[in-house]
Structures are given as structure tokens and as C-alpha cells.
Amino acid sequence: MKVSIRGINLPITSNTINEFFELPDF
């Protein structure tokens, strides 16, 4: 599964999900 962040497609991994949810809401 991939997510588009600022126009960049990044692969979703456990680490990526953890970092994503640690970010504040934009």
C-alpha cells in the first residue's frame, strides 16, 4: 500500500506508519 505525501508516493511500512502518526496534524 502506498500513500501520497506532498505529491511523493512513499511505501507504507510499520516504521513509516509510526512516524506518520507521531506527526502533528497539518
C-alpha atoms as a PDB file:
ATOM      1  CA  MET A   1       0.000   0.000   0.000  1.00  0.00           C
ATOM      2  CA  LYS A   2       1.242   3.486  -0.784  1.00  0.00           C
ATOM      3  CA  VAL A   3       0.312   6.957   0.393  1.00  0.00           C
ATOM      4  CA  SER A   4       0.794  10.242  -1.414  1.00  0.00           C
ATOM      5  CA  ILE A   5       2.580  12.798   0.758  1.00  0.00           C
ATOM      6  CA  ARG A   6       3.158  16.230  -0.788  1.00  0.00           C
ATOM      7  CA  GLY A   7       2.957  14.634  -4.223  1.00  0.00           C
ATOM      8  CA  ILE A   8       5.503  11.946  -3.326  1.00  0.00           C
ATOM      9  CA  ASN A   9       4.459   8.283  -3.259  1.00  0.00           C
ATOM     10  CA  LEU A  10       6.008   6.549  -0.271  1.00  0.00           C
ATOM     11  CA  PRO A  11       5.818   2.847   0.529  1.00  0.00           C
ATOM     12  CA  ILE A  12       3.915   2.125   3.734  1.00  0.00           C
ATOM     13  CA  THR A  13       5.852   0.229   6.379  1.00  0.00           C
ATOM     14  CA  SER A  14       5.426  -0.212  10.124  1.00  0.00           C
ATOM     15  CA  ASN A  15       8.104   2.383  10.785  1.00  0.00           C
ATOM     16  CA  THR A  16       6.580   4.827   8.311  1.00  0.00           C
ATOM     17  CA  ILE A  17       3.139   4.474   9.893  1.00  0.00           C
ATOM     18  CA  ASN A  18       4.569   5.039  13.368  1.00  0.00           C
ATOM     19  CA  GLU A  19       6.394   8.180  12.236  1.00  0.00           C
ATOM     20  CA  PHE A  20       3.312   9.399  10.364  1.00  0.00           C
ATOM     21  CA  PHE A  21       1.076   9.180  13.431  1.00  0.00           C
ATOM     22  CA  GLU A  22       3.719  10.903  15.549  1.00  0.00           C
ATOM     23  CA  LEU A  23       3.496  13.966  13.299  1.00  0.00           C
ATOM     24  CA  PRO A  24       1.148  16.800  14.345  1.00  0.00           C
ATOM     25  CA  ASP A  25      -1.935  17.488  12.237  1.00  0.00           C
ATOM     26  CA  PHE A  26      -1.193  19.826   9.363  1.00  0.00           C
END
